[in-house]
Amino acid sequence: MTQVASLAEYLDARRAEVERALEEFLPTASQCPPIVADAMRYSIAAGGKRLRPMLVLASADAAASVLDSDPDAARALALPAACAIEMIHTYSLIHDDLPAMDDDYLRRLLASDTFIAVAAFEGITPIGAVAAYVLPKFEQARSEVYIYDLAVHEQHRRKGVATALIAELKKIAGEIDRCLLLARSEWQSEVARLEAAGWELPSCLKDSGSSNRTS
């Protein structure tokens, strides 16, 4: 029992070292875009056993014991590598391991010719996006493009981002000889903003308030 308690205490101490170091190594809002800093801290602080970085520190302790050197100094040297491994692990959970990131339906949708996505960036930071799909019309020679969803980060709203996204989608629809329709009546305000900005909109866009969203 004493050995188990000693191991538990050792792991708790190493975990505390890792947590403190992660907090120090992560960039602050003044060192990178605040939205990126917040996202990184949210992901790292989501919780975890920190097993991987603790194994790195345990390896440093073992090497220090063999070399008859200071274990505290050895762990301090290994701490950046330990935190890097934990960050890579967290990254992999977000971008690879989560089921939502490997959804068969979503991958087929993104690879299809009937799906259109337009994103807005400020530097390298995404601040808005619009997703749309092409709907074939059996009674007409050409199809229609419906907006499925449109979102703009709250810090960038009322700055013309949504207007620019819809305008770019309209341009894409024109290039593929499709008519752009808004799928939600509450986006009539965006139509008004486009017209106020001098855009000449097709009637199918201005009359989209009668469109029904079925999904």
N, C-alpha and C. Protein backbone atom coordinates (compact mmCIF):
# COMPACT_ATOMS: atom_id res chain seq x y z
N MET A 1 0.82 -1.21 0.00
CA MET A 1 0.00 0.00 0.00
C MET A 1 0.86 1.26 0.00
N THR A 2 1.98 1.18 0.72
CA THR A 2 2.87 2.35 0.78
C THR A 2 3.44 2.68 -0.60
N GLN A 3 3.76 1.60 -1.37
CA GLN A 3 4.32 1.81 -2.70
C GLN A 3 3.30 2.45 -3.63
N VAL A 4 2.03 2.02 -3.55
CA VAL A 4 0.99 2.60 -4.38
C VAL A 4 0.78 4.06 -4.03
N ALA A 5 0.76 4.35 -2.71
CA ALA A 5 0.59 5.74 -2.28
C ALA A 5 1.75 6.59 -2.76
N SER A 6 2.96 6.05 -2.72
CA SER A 6 4.14 6.78 -3.16
C SER A 6 4.07 7.05 -4.66
N LEU A 7 3.60 6.07 -5.42
CA LEU A 7 3.45 6.26 -6.87
C LEU A 7 2.40 7.32 -7.15
N ALA A 8 1.29 7.27 -6.42
CA ALA A 8 0.23 8.26 -6.62
C ALA A 8 0.74 9.66 -6.32
N GLU A 9 1.51 9.79 -5.26
CA GLU A 9 2.07 11.10 -4.92
C GLU A 9 3.03 11.59 -5.99
N TYR A 10 3.85 10.66 -6.50
CA TYR A 10 4.79 11.02 -7.56
C TYR A 10 4.05 11.51 -8.80
N LEU A 11 3.01 10.78 -9.22
CA LEU A 11 2.26 11.17 -10.41
C LEU A 11 1.55 12.50 -10.20
N ASP A 12 1.01 12.72 -9.01
CA ASP A 12 0.36 14.00 -8.72
C ASP A 12 1.35 15.16 -8.82
N ALA A 13 2.56 14.94 -8.31
CA ALA A 13 3.58 15.99 -8.36
C ALA A 13 3.99 16.28 -9.79
N ARG A 14 4.16 15.23 -10.60
CA ARG A 14 4.56 15.42 -12.00
C ARG A 14 3.43 16.09 -12.78
N ARG A 15 2.19 15.69 -12.51
CA ARG A 15 1.05 16.29 -13.20
C ARG A 15 0.97 17.79 -12.89
N ALA A 16 1.23 18.16 -11.65
CA ALA A 16 1.21 19.57 -11.27
C ALA A 16 2.32 20.34 -12.01
N GLU A 17 3.50 19.72 -12.16
CA GLU A 17 4.58 20.35 -12.91
C GLU A 17 4.16 20.60 -14.36
N VAL A 18 3.52 19.61 -14.95
CA VAL A 18 3.09 19.73 -16.35
C VAL A 18 2.04 20.82 -16.49
N GLU A 19 1.09 20.87 -15.58
CA GLU A 19 0.03 21.87 -15.67
C GLU A 19 0.61 23.28 -15.59
N ARG A 20 1.54 23.49 -14.66
CA ARG A 20 2.17 24.81 -14.53
C ARG A 20 2.95 25.18 -15.79
N ALA A 21 3.66 24.20 -16.33
CA ALA A 21 4.47 24.47 -17.52
C ALA A 21 3.60 24.75 -18.74
N LEU A 22 2.52 24.00 -18.89
CA LEU A 22 1.61 24.25 -20.02
C LEU A 22 1.07 25.67 -19.96
N GLU A 23 0.73 26.13 -18.78
CA GLU A 23 0.21 27.48 -18.62
C GLU A 23 1.27 28.51 -19.03
N GLU A 24 2.52 28.22 -18.73
CA GLU A 24 3.60 29.16 -19.07
C GLU A 24 3.93 29.14 -20.56
N PHE A 25 3.87 27.95 -21.18
CA PHE A 25 4.27 27.82 -22.58
C PHE A 25 3.20 28.31 -23.55
N LEU A 26 1.94 28.26 -23.17
CA LEU A 26 0.88 28.69 -24.08
C LEU A 26 0.97 30.20 -24.30
N PRO A 27 0.79 30.67 -25.53
CA PRO A 27 0.85 32.11 -25.78
C PRO A 27 -0.35 32.83 -25.17
N THR A 28 -0.13 34.07 -24.80
CA THR A 28 -1.21 34.89 -24.27
C THR A 28 -1.90 35.64 -25.40
N ALA A 29 -2.98 36.32 -25.06
CA ALA A 29 -3.74 37.07 -26.07
C ALA A 29 -2.92 38.19 -26.68
N SER A 30 -1.88 38.65 -25.97
CA SER A 30 -1.03 39.71 -26.52
C SER A 30 0.03 39.17 -27.47
N GLN A 31 0.23 37.87 -27.48
CA GLN A 31 1.26 37.26 -28.31
C GLN A 31 0.72 36.66 -29.59
N CYS A 32 -0.57 36.52 -29.72
CA CYS A 32 -1.20 35.98 -30.92
C CYS A 32 -2.65 36.46 -30.94
N PRO A 33 -3.38 36.24 -32.02
CA PRO A 33 -4.79 36.67 -32.03
C PRO A 33 -5.54 36.12 -30.82
N PRO A 34 -6.28 36.96 -30.09
CA PRO A 34 -6.96 36.51 -28.87
C PRO A 34 -7.84 35.29 -29.07
N ILE A 35 -8.51 35.21 -30.20
CA ILE A 35 -9.39 34.07 -30.45
C ILE A 35 -8.60 32.77 -30.53
N VAL A 36 -7.36 32.85 -31.07
CA VAL A 36 -6.50 31.66 -31.15
C VAL A 36 -6.00 31.29 -29.75
N ALA A 37 -5.59 32.29 -28.96
CA ALA A 37 -5.12 32.03 -27.61
C ALA A 37 -6.21 31.39 -26.76
N ASP A 38 -7.43 31.91 -26.88
CA ASP A 38 -8.56 31.35 -26.12
C ASP A 38 -8.83 29.91 -26.53
N ALA A 39 -8.79 29.64 -27.83
CA ALA A 39 -9.07 28.28 -28.31
C ALA A 39 -8.01 27.30 -27.83
N MET A 40 -6.74 27.72 -27.84
CA MET A 40 -5.67 26.84 -27.39
C MET A 40 -5.80 26.52 -25.91
N ARG A 41 -6.08 27.53 -25.11
CA ARG A 41 -6.21 27.31 -23.67
C ARG A 41 -7.45 26.47 -23.35
N TYR A 42 -8.51 26.71 -24.08
CA TYR A 42 -9.72 25.91 -23.86
C TYR A 42 -9.45 24.43 -24.15
N SER A 43 -8.72 24.17 -25.22
CA SER A 43 -8.45 22.77 -25.60
C SER A 43 -7.50 22.10 -24.62
N ILE A 44 -6.43 22.79 -24.24
CA ILE A 44 -5.46 22.20 -23.32
C ILE A 44 -6.07 22.00 -21.94
N ALA A 45 -6.94 22.95 -21.52
CA ALA A 45 -7.51 22.89 -20.17
C ALA A 45 -8.75 22.01 -20.09
N ALA A 46 -9.06 21.30 -21.17
CA ALA A 46 -10.26 20.47 -21.17
C ALA A 46 -10.17 19.28 -20.22
N GLY A 47 -8.98 19.03 -19.71
CA GLY A 47 -8.81 17.94 -18.76
C GLY A 47 -8.08 16.77 -19.38
N GLY A 48 -7.41 16.00 -18.56
CA GLY A 48 -6.68 14.85 -19.04
C GLY A 48 -5.74 14.33 -17.98
N LYS A 49 -5.31 13.11 -18.14
CA LYS A 49 -4.43 12.49 -17.14
C LYS A 49 -3.00 13.00 -17.26
N ARG A 50 -2.65 13.59 -18.40
CA ARG A 50 -1.29 14.06 -18.67
C ARG A 50 -0.30 12.89 -18.58
N LEU A 51 -0.74 11.71 -18.98
CA LEU A 51 0.10 10.53 -18.87
C LEU A 51 1.35 10.64 -19.73
N ARG A 52 1.22 11.14 -20.94
CA ARG A 52 2.35 11.20 -21.87
C ARG A 52 3.47 12.12 -21.35
N PRO A 53 3.15 13.35 -20.95
CA PRO A 53 4.24 14.18 -20.41
C PRO A 53 4.80 13.64 -19.10
N MET A 54 3.97 12.98 -18.30
CA MET A 54 4.49 12.39 -17.07
C MET A 54 5.49 11.28 -17.36
N LEU A 55 5.26 10.51 -18.43
CA LEU A 55 6.22 9.47 -18.81
C LEU A 55 7.55 10.09 -19.25
N VAL A 56 7.47 11.23 -19.93
CA VAL A 56 8.71 11.92 -20.32
C VAL A 56 9.49 12.35 -19.08
N LEU A 57 8.79 12.92 -18.09
CA LEU A 57 9.45 13.35 -16.87
C LEU A 57 9.99 12.17 -16.07
N ALA A 58 9.24 11.07 -16.08
CA ALA A 58 9.71 9.86 -15.39
C ALA A 58 10.98 9.33 -16.06
N SER A 59 11.03 9.42 -17.37
CA SER A 59 12.23 9.00 -18.09
C SER A 59 13.43 9.87 -17.71
N ALA A 60 13.17 11.17 -17.54
CA ALA A 60 14.25 12.08 -17.13
C ALA A 60 14.72 11.73 -15.73
N ASP A 61 13.79 11.40 -14.85
CA ASP A 61 14.16 10.98 -13.49
C ASP A 61 15.01 9.72 -13.53
N ALA A 62 14.59 8.77 -14.38
CA ALA A 62 15.34 7.51 -14.47
C ALA A 62 16.75 7.76 -15.00
N ALA A 63 16.88 8.62 -16.02
CA ALA A 63 18.20 8.93 -16.56
C ALA A 63 19.07 9.62 -15.52
N ALA A 64 18.45 10.51 -14.74
CA ALA A 64 19.20 11.21 -13.69
C ALA A 64 19.70 10.23 -12.64
N SER A 65 18.88 9.24 -12.34
CA SER A 65 19.28 8.24 -11.35
C SER A 65 20.48 7.42 -11.84
N VAL A 66 20.44 7.03 -13.12
CA VAL A 66 21.54 6.25 -13.68
C VAL A 66 22.83 7.08 -13.73
N LEU A 67 22.69 8.35 -14.07
CA LEU A 67 23.86 9.22 -14.23
C LEU A 67 24.26 9.89 -12.91
N ASP A 68 23.49 9.60 -11.86
CA ASP A 68 23.76 10.17 -10.54
C ASP A 68 23.78 11.70 -10.60
N SER A 69 22.76 12.26 -11.29
CA SER A 69 22.65 13.72 -11.41
C SER A 69 21.37 14.19 -10.72
N ASP A 70 21.18 15.50 -10.72
CA ASP A 70 20.04 16.10 -10.03
C ASP A 70 18.74 15.80 -10.78
N PRO A 71 17.76 15.09 -10.18
CA PRO A 71 16.52 14.78 -10.89
C PRO A 71 15.68 16.02 -11.20
N ASP A 72 15.73 17.00 -10.30
CA ASP A 72 14.96 18.23 -10.56
C ASP A 72 15.48 18.94 -11.81
N ALA A 73 16.79 18.99 -11.96
CA ALA A 73 17.39 19.62 -13.14
C ALA A 73 17.08 18.82 -14.39
N ALA A 74 17.08 17.51 -14.27
CA ALA A 74 16.79 16.65 -15.43
C ALA A 74 15.34 16.85 -15.89
N ARG A 75 14.43 16.94 -14.93
CA ARG A 75 13.02 17.14 -15.31
C ARG A 75 12.82 18.53 -15.92
N ALA A 76 13.55 19.51 -15.42
CA ALA A 76 13.42 20.86 -15.97
C ALA A 76 13.86 20.89 -17.43
N LEU A 77 14.91 20.14 -17.75
CA LEU A 77 15.37 20.07 -19.13
C LEU A 77 14.37 19.34 -20.02
N ALA A 78 13.69 18.35 -19.45
CA ALA A 78 12.75 17.55 -20.24
C ALA A 78 11.36 18.17 -20.32
N LEU A 79 11.11 19.16 -19.49
CA LEU A 79 9.74 19.71 -19.41
C LEU A 79 9.23 20.29 -20.73
N PRO A 80 10.03 21.05 -21.50
CA PRO A 80 9.51 21.55 -22.78
C PRO A 80 9.10 20.42 -23.73
N ALA A 81 9.89 19.36 -23.78
CA ALA A 81 9.53 18.23 -24.64
C ALA A 81 8.27 17.55 -24.14
N ALA A 82 8.13 17.42 -22.82
CA ALA A 82 6.94 16.80 -22.25
C ALA A 82 5.68 17.58 -22.62
N CYS A 83 5.76 18.90 -22.52
CA CYS A 83 4.60 19.74 -22.86
C CYS A 83 4.32 19.70 -24.36
N ALA A 84 5.36 19.63 -25.17
CA ALA A 84 5.17 19.56 -26.62
C ALA A 84 4.42 18.29 -26.99
N ILE A 85 4.77 17.18 -26.35
CA ILE A 85 4.08 15.92 -26.63
C ILE A 85 2.61 16.02 -26.23
N GLU A 86 2.32 16.66 -25.10
CA GLU A 86 0.93 16.80 -24.67
C GLU A 86 0.14 17.70 -25.63
N MET A 87 0.78 18.74 -26.15
CA MET A 87 0.11 19.62 -27.10
C MET A 87 -0.18 18.89 -28.41
N ILE A 88 0.77 18.09 -28.86
CA ILE A 88 0.55 17.32 -30.09
C ILE A 88 -0.60 16.32 -29.88
N HIS A 89 -0.63 15.72 -28.70
CA HIS A 89 -1.72 14.78 -28.39
C HIS A 89 -3.07 15.49 -28.40
N THR A 90 -3.13 16.67 -27.80
CA THR A 90 -4.38 17.43 -27.79
C THR A 90 -4.80 17.81 -29.20
N TYR A 91 -3.82 18.22 -30.01
CA TYR A 91 -4.10 18.56 -31.41
C TYR A 91 -4.70 17.36 -32.14
N SER A 92 -4.13 16.18 -31.90
CA SER A 92 -4.61 15.00 -32.60
C SER A 92 -6.04 14.66 -32.21
N LEU A 93 -6.40 14.89 -30.96
CA LEU A 93 -7.76 14.63 -30.52
C LEU A 93 -8.76 15.52 -31.25
N ILE A 94 -8.36 16.77 -31.45
CA ILE A 94 -9.26 17.73 -32.08
C ILE A 94 -9.37 17.48 -33.58
N HIS A 95 -8.27 17.24 -34.23
CA HIS A 95 -8.23 17.20 -35.69
C HIS A 95 -8.23 15.80 -36.30
N ASP A 96 -8.22 14.78 -35.48
CA ASP A 96 -8.15 13.45 -36.07
C ASP A 96 -9.02 12.43 -35.36
N ASP A 97 -8.91 12.34 -34.04
CA ASP A 97 -9.52 11.24 -33.32
C ASP A 97 -11.01 11.41 -33.07
N LEU A 98 -11.51 12.63 -32.98
CA LEU A 98 -12.93 12.82 -32.67
C LEU A 98 -13.81 12.29 -33.80
N PRO A 99 -14.86 11.54 -33.47
CA PRO A 99 -15.73 10.98 -34.51
C PRO A 99 -16.31 12.04 -35.45
N ALA A 100 -16.61 13.20 -34.90
CA ALA A 100 -17.21 14.25 -35.73
C ALA A 100 -16.26 14.73 -36.82
N MET A 101 -14.95 14.52 -36.64
CA MET A 101 -13.99 14.96 -37.64
C MET A 101 -13.77 13.91 -38.72
N ASP A 102 -14.36 12.74 -38.55
CA ASP A 102 -14.20 11.67 -39.53
C ASP A 102 -15.57 11.12 -39.91
N ASP A 103 -16.50 12.02 -40.09
CA ASP A 103 -17.87 11.63 -40.43
C ASP A 103 -17.96 11.30 -41.92
N ASP A 104 -18.38 10.07 -42.23
CA ASP A 104 -18.44 9.64 -43.64
C ASP A 104 -19.35 10.53 -44.46
N TYR A 105 -20.51 10.88 -43.91
CA TYR A 105 -21.45 11.71 -44.65
C TYR A 105 -20.85 13.08 -44.94
N LEU A 106 -20.20 13.67 -43.93
CA LEU A 106 -19.62 14.99 -44.12
C LEU A 106 -18.51 14.95 -45.16
N ARG A 107 -17.67 13.93 -45.12
CA ARG A 107 -16.58 13.84 -46.10
C ARG A 107 -17.12 13.69 -47.51
N ARG A 108 -18.18 12.89 -47.67
CA ARG A 108 -18.78 12.75 -49.01
C ARG A 108 -19.40 14.06 -49.46
N LEU A 109 -20.02 14.77 -48.51
CA LEU A 109 -20.64 16.05 -48.85
C LEU A 109 -19.60 17.06 -49.30
N LEU A 110 -18.51 17.18 -48.55
CA LEU A 110 -17.47 18.15 -48.89
C LEU A 110 -16.80 17.82 -50.22
N ALA A 111 -16.79 16.55 -50.59
CA ALA A 111 -16.15 16.14 -51.84
C ALA A 111 -17.09 16.20 -53.04
N SER A 112 -18.37 16.48 -52.80
CA SER A 112 -19.34 16.46 -53.88
C SER A 112 -19.31 17.76 -54.68
N ASP A 113 -19.86 17.71 -55.89
CA ASP A 113 -19.94 18.89 -56.74
C ASP A 113 -21.12 19.78 -56.39
N THR A 114 -21.97 19.33 -55.48
CA THR A 114 -23.18 20.10 -55.15
C THR A 114 -23.02 20.88 -53.86
N PHE A 115 -21.84 20.87 -53.25
CA PHE A 115 -21.61 21.60 -52.01
C PHE A 115 -20.65 22.75 -52.26
N ILE A 116 -20.99 23.93 -51.72
CA ILE A 116 -20.16 25.12 -51.88
C ILE A 116 -19.89 25.71 -50.50
N ALA A 117 -18.65 26.02 -50.21
CA ALA A 117 -18.28 26.65 -48.94
C ALA A 117 -17.39 27.84 -49.23
N VAL A 118 -17.68 28.96 -48.58
CA VAL A 118 -16.88 30.18 -48.71
C VAL A 118 -16.52 30.63 -47.30
N ALA A 119 -15.24 30.93 -47.07
CA ALA A 119 -14.79 31.35 -45.75
C ALA A 119 -14.13 32.72 -45.83
N ALA A 120 -14.26 33.49 -44.76
CA ALA A 120 -13.61 34.80 -44.66
C ALA A 120 -12.53 34.72 -43.58
N PHE A 121 -11.39 35.33 -43.86
CA PHE A 121 -10.27 35.28 -42.93
C PHE A 121 -9.78 36.69 -42.63
N GLU A 122 -9.27 36.84 -41.41
CA GLU A 122 -8.52 38.03 -41.04
C GLU A 122 -7.10 37.55 -40.75
N GLY A 123 -6.23 37.72 -41.71
CA GLY A 123 -4.92 37.11 -41.61
C GLY A 123 -5.07 35.61 -41.81
N ILE A 124 -4.70 34.84 -40.78
CA ILE A 124 -4.87 33.39 -40.85
C ILE A 124 -6.04 32.92 -40.00
N THR A 125 -6.78 33.85 -39.42
CA THR A 125 -7.88 33.51 -38.51
C THR A 125 -9.21 33.52 -39.24
N PRO A 126 -9.94 32.41 -39.26
CA PRO A 126 -11.28 32.42 -39.88
C PRO A 126 -12.24 33.24 -39.05
N ILE A 127 -13.00 34.12 -39.70
CA ILE A 127 -13.94 34.97 -38.97
C ILE A 127 -15.38 34.78 -39.45
N GLY A 128 -15.59 34.02 -40.52
CA GLY A 128 -16.94 33.79 -41.00
C GLY A 128 -16.95 32.80 -42.14
N ALA A 129 -18.11 32.23 -42.38
CA ALA A 129 -18.23 31.25 -43.47
C ALA A 129 -19.68 31.11 -43.88
N VAL A 130 -19.88 30.69 -45.11
CA VAL A 130 -21.22 30.38 -45.60
C VAL A 130 -21.15 29.02 -46.29
N ALA A 131 -22.13 28.18 -46.03
CA ALA A 131 -22.24 26.87 -46.66
C ALA A 131 -23.51 26.84 -47.51
N ALA A 132 -23.40 26.33 -48.71
CA ALA A 132 -24.53 26.29 -49.63
C ALA A 132 -24.51 24.99 -50.42
N TYR A 133 -25.63 24.68 -51.05
CA TYR A 133 -25.69 23.47 -51.86
C TYR A 133 -26.48 23.74 -53.13
N VAL A 134 -26.14 23.00 -54.17
CA VAL A 134 -26.80 23.13 -55.46
C VAL A 134 -27.97 22.15 -55.50
N LEU A 135 -29.14 22.67 -55.80
CA LEU A 135 -30.34 21.85 -55.87
C LEU A 135 -30.83 21.78 -57.31
N PRO A 136 -30.75 20.62 -57.94
CA PRO A 136 -31.24 20.50 -59.32
C PRO A 136 -32.75 20.75 -59.38
N LYS A 137 -33.18 21.47 -60.40
CA LYS A 137 -34.61 21.74 -60.61
C LYS A 137 -35.06 20.96 -61.84
N PHE A 138 -35.96 20.02 -61.63
CA PHE A 138 -36.37 19.16 -62.73
C PHE A 138 -37.17 19.91 -63.79
N GLU A 139 -37.88 20.97 -63.36
CA GLU A 139 -38.72 21.68 -64.31
C GLU A 139 -37.97 22.82 -64.99
N GLN A 140 -36.71 23.00 -64.67
CA GLN A 140 -35.94 24.09 -65.26
C GLN A 140 -34.64 23.54 -65.82
N ALA A 141 -34.09 24.28 -66.75
CA ALA A 141 -32.84 23.85 -67.38
C ALA A 141 -31.64 24.06 -66.47
N ARG A 142 -31.77 24.94 -65.49
CA ARG A 142 -30.64 25.19 -64.60
C ARG A 142 -31.03 25.00 -63.15
N SER A 143 -30.03 24.79 -62.32
CA SER A 143 -30.26 24.50 -60.91
C SER A 143 -30.22 25.78 -60.08
N GLU A 144 -30.44 25.63 -58.78
CA GLU A 144 -30.42 26.77 -57.86
C GLU A 144 -29.47 26.48 -56.71
N VAL A 145 -28.87 27.54 -56.19
CA VAL A 145 -27.97 27.43 -55.06
C VAL A 145 -28.68 27.96 -53.82
N TYR A 146 -28.80 27.10 -52.82
CA TYR A 146 -29.46 27.49 -51.57
C TYR A 146 -28.42 27.64 -50.47
N ILE A 147 -28.55 28.67 -49.67
CA ILE A 147 -27.68 28.84 -48.51
C ILE A 147 -28.19 27.95 -47.38
N TYR A 148 -27.31 27.08 -46.90
CA TYR A 148 -27.67 26.19 -45.80
C TYR A 148 -27.40 26.87 -44.46
N ASP A 149 -26.26 27.55 -44.34
CA ASP A 149 -25.94 28.22 -43.08
C ASP A 149 -24.92 29.31 -43.34
N LEU A 150 -24.99 30.35 -42.52
CA LEU A 150 -24.05 31.46 -42.60
C LEU A 150 -23.73 31.90 -41.18
N ALA A 151 -22.45 32.07 -40.89
CA ALA A 151 -22.05 32.46 -39.54
C ALA A 151 -20.86 33.41 -39.61
N VAL A 152 -20.87 34.40 -38.72
CA VAL A 152 -19.78 35.36 -38.59
C VAL A 152 -19.44 35.49 -37.12
N HIS A 153 -18.16 35.47 -36.79
CA HIS A 153 -17.75 35.62 -35.39
C HIS A 153 -18.30 36.92 -34.83
N GLU A 154 -18.75 36.86 -33.58
CA GLU A 154 -19.45 38.00 -32.99
C GLU A 154 -18.61 39.27 -33.00
N GLN A 155 -17.30 39.16 -32.92
CA GLN A 155 -16.45 40.35 -32.93
C GLN A 155 -16.36 41.01 -34.30
N HIS A 156 -16.82 40.32 -35.33
CA HIS A 156 -16.70 40.83 -36.69
C HIS A 156 -18.05 41.06 -37.36
N ARG A 157 -19.12 41.03 -36.59
CA ARG A 157 -20.43 41.27 -37.16
C ARG A 157 -20.65 42.76 -37.38
N ARG A 158 -21.57 43.07 -38.27
CA ARG A 158 -21.87 44.44 -38.66
C ARG A 158 -20.67 45.14 -39.27
N LYS A 159 -19.81 44.35 -39.91
CA LYS A 159 -18.65 44.93 -40.58
C LYS A 159 -18.60 44.54 -42.05
N GLY A 160 -19.72 44.04 -42.57
CA GLY A 160 -19.78 43.69 -43.98
C GLY A 160 -19.27 42.32 -44.33
N VAL A 161 -18.93 41.50 -43.32
CA VAL A 161 -18.39 40.17 -43.61
C VAL A 161 -19.46 39.29 -44.25
N ALA A 162 -20.67 39.28 -43.66
CA ALA A 162 -21.74 38.47 -44.22
C ALA A 162 -22.09 38.92 -45.63
N THR A 163 -22.11 40.23 -45.84
CA THR A 163 -22.39 40.77 -47.16
C THR A 163 -21.36 40.30 -48.18
N ALA A 164 -20.09 40.33 -47.79
CA ALA A 164 -19.03 39.89 -48.69
C ALA A 164 -19.12 38.39 -48.98
N LEU A 165 -19.48 37.61 -47.97
CA LEU A 165 -19.62 36.16 -48.17
C LEU A 165 -20.73 35.85 -49.17
N ILE A 166 -21.87 36.51 -49.01
CA ILE A 166 -22.99 36.27 -49.92
C ILE A 166 -22.64 36.76 -51.33
N ALA A 167 -21.94 37.88 -51.41
CA ALA A 167 -21.54 38.39 -52.72
C ALA A 167 -20.59 37.42 -53.42
N GLU A 168 -19.66 36.82 -52.67
CA GLU A 168 -18.74 35.85 -53.26
C GLU A 168 -19.50 34.60 -53.69
N LEU A 169 -20.47 34.18 -52.88
CA LEU A 169 -21.28 33.02 -53.24
C LEU A 169 -22.09 33.32 -54.51
N LYS A 170 -22.59 34.52 -54.62
CA LYS A 170 -23.33 34.93 -55.82
C LYS A 170 -22.42 34.86 -57.05
N LYS A 171 -21.16 35.28 -56.88
CA LYS A 171 -20.21 35.22 -57.98
C LYS A 171 -19.96 33.78 -58.41
N ILE A 172 -19.79 32.88 -57.43
CA ILE A 172 -19.57 31.47 -57.74
C ILE A 172 -20.78 30.88 -58.43
N ALA A 173 -21.98 31.22 -57.95
CA ALA A 173 -23.21 30.72 -58.57
C ALA A 173 -23.31 31.18 -60.02
N GLY A 174 -22.89 32.42 -60.27
CA GLY A 174 -22.92 32.91 -61.64
C GLY A 174 -21.93 32.20 -62.53
N GLU A 175 -20.77 31.85 -61.98
CA GLU A 175 -19.75 31.17 -62.78
C GLU A 175 -20.18 29.77 -63.19
N ILE A 176 -21.00 29.13 -62.36
CA ILE A 176 -21.47 27.78 -62.70
C ILE A 176 -22.89 27.82 -63.26
N ASP A 177 -23.35 29.03 -63.64
CA ASP A 177 -24.66 29.21 -64.28
C ASP A 177 -25.79 28.69 -63.38
N ARG A 178 -25.75 29.10 -62.13
CA ARG A 178 -26.81 28.75 -61.20
C ARG A 178 -27.41 30.01 -60.64
N CYS A 179 -28.64 29.93 -60.17
CA CYS A 179 -29.33 31.07 -59.58
C CYS A 179 -29.21 30.96 -58.07
N LEU A 180 -28.79 32.02 -57.40
CA LEU A 180 -28.61 32.00 -55.95
C LEU A 180 -29.91 32.32 -55.24
N LEU A 181 -30.26 31.48 -54.28
CA LEU A 181 -31.45 31.70 -53.45
C LEU A 181 -31.04 31.68 -51.98
N LEU A 182 -31.65 32.53 -51.18
CA LEU A 182 -31.47 32.43 -49.73
C LEU A 182 -32.50 31.45 -49.18
N ALA A 183 -32.06 30.59 -48.30
CA ALA A 183 -32.95 29.55 -47.80
C ALA A 183 -33.65 29.94 -46.52
N ARG A 184 -33.36 31.11 -45.96
CA ARG A 184 -33.99 31.54 -44.72
C ARG A 184 -34.53 32.96 -44.91
N SER A 185 -35.77 33.14 -44.54
CA SER A 185 -36.40 34.43 -44.76
C SER A 185 -35.77 35.53 -43.92
N GLU A 186 -35.17 35.17 -42.76
CA GLU A 186 -34.60 36.21 -41.91
C GLU A 186 -33.35 36.83 -42.52
N TRP A 187 -32.87 36.27 -43.62
CA TRP A 187 -31.71 36.86 -44.27
C TRP A 187 -32.10 37.94 -45.28
N GLN A 188 -33.37 38.33 -45.25
CA GLN A 188 -33.78 39.45 -46.09
C GLN A 188 -33.01 40.72 -45.74
N SER A 189 -32.61 40.82 -44.46
CA SER A 189 -31.82 41.99 -44.07
C SER A 189 -30.49 42.03 -44.81
N GLU A 190 -29.92 40.86 -45.10
CA GLU A 190 -28.68 40.82 -45.87
C GLU A 190 -28.91 41.28 -47.30
N VAL A 191 -30.08 40.94 -47.85
CA VAL A 191 -30.42 41.41 -49.19
C VAL A 191 -30.48 42.93 -49.20
N ALA A 192 -31.11 43.50 -48.18
CA ALA A 192 -31.22 44.95 -48.09
C ALA A 192 -29.84 45.59 -47.99
N ARG A 193 -28.95 44.98 -47.25
CA ARG A 193 -27.61 45.52 -47.09
C ARG A 193 -26.84 45.44 -48.41
N LEU A 194 -27.02 44.35 -49.15
CA LEU A 194 -26.36 44.22 -50.45
C LEU A 194 -26.85 45.30 -51.41
N GLU A 195 -28.16 45.50 -51.45
CA GLU A 195 -28.71 46.51 -52.35
C GLU A 195 -28.25 47.90 -51.94
N ALA A 196 -28.18 48.16 -50.62
CA ALA A 196 -27.73 49.46 -50.15
C ALA A 196 -26.27 49.70 -50.53
N ALA A 197 -25.51 48.61 -50.65
CA ALA A 197 -24.10 48.72 -51.04
C ALA A 197 -23.92 48.85 -52.55
N GLY A 198 -25.05 48.82 -53.28
CA GLY A 198 -24.97 49.00 -54.72
C GLY A 198 -24.99 47.73 -55.54
N TRP A 199 -25.25 46.58 -54.91
CA TRP A 199 -25.30 45.32 -55.66
C TRP A 199 -26.62 45.20 -56.41
N GLU A 200 -26.55 44.77 -57.65
CA GLU A 200 -27.74 44.48 -58.42
C GLU A 200 -28.06 43.00 -58.26
N LEU A 201 -29.09 42.71 -57.49
CA LEU A 201 -29.39 41.33 -57.14
C LEU A 201 -30.45 40.74 -58.07
N PRO A 202 -30.32 39.43 -58.39
CA PRO A 202 -31.35 38.78 -59.21
C PRO A 202 -32.65 38.65 -58.42
N SER A 203 -33.75 38.56 -59.14
CA SER A 203 -35.05 38.48 -58.48
C SER A 203 -35.16 37.25 -57.59
N CYS A 204 -34.49 36.17 -57.95
CA CYS A 204 -34.59 34.96 -57.12
C CYS A 204 -33.98 35.18 -55.74
N LEU A 205 -32.99 36.10 -55.66
CA LEU A 205 -32.39 36.41 -54.37
C LEU A 205 -33.29 37.33 -53.56
N LYS A 206 -33.90 38.32 -54.23
CA LYS A 206 -34.74 39.27 -53.52
C LYS A 206 -36.07 38.65 -53.12
N ASP A 207 -36.52 37.66 -53.85
CA ASP A 207 -37.81 37.03 -53.54
C ASP A 207 -37.65 35.80 -52.66
N SER A 208 -36.46 35.61 -52.06
CA SER A 208 -36.21 34.37 -51.34
C SER A 208 -36.92 34.30 -50.02
N GLY A 209 -37.63 35.32 -49.60
CA GLY A 209 -38.35 35.26 -48.35
C GLY A 209 -39.42 34.20 -48.33
N SER A 210 -39.88 33.78 -49.52
CA SER A 210 -40.90 32.74 -49.58
C SER A 210 -40.31 31.35 -49.59
N SER A 211 -38.98 31.25 -49.65
CA SER A 211 -38.35 29.95 -49.67
C SER A 211 -38.51 29.26 -48.32
N ASN A 212 -38.63 27.95 -48.35
CA ASN A 212 -38.77 27.17 -47.13
C ASN A 212 -37.55 26.30 -46.95
N ARG A 213 -37.06 26.25 -45.73
CA ARG A 213 -35.93 25.37 -45.43
C ARG A 213 -36.48 24.05 -44.94
N THR A 214 -36.08 22.96 -45.58
CA THR A 214 -36.65 21.66 -45.24
C THR A 214 -35.69 20.81 -44.43
N SER A 215 -34.44 21.25 -44.29
CA SER A 215 -33.48 20.45 -43.54
C SER A 215 -33.43 20.88 -42.09
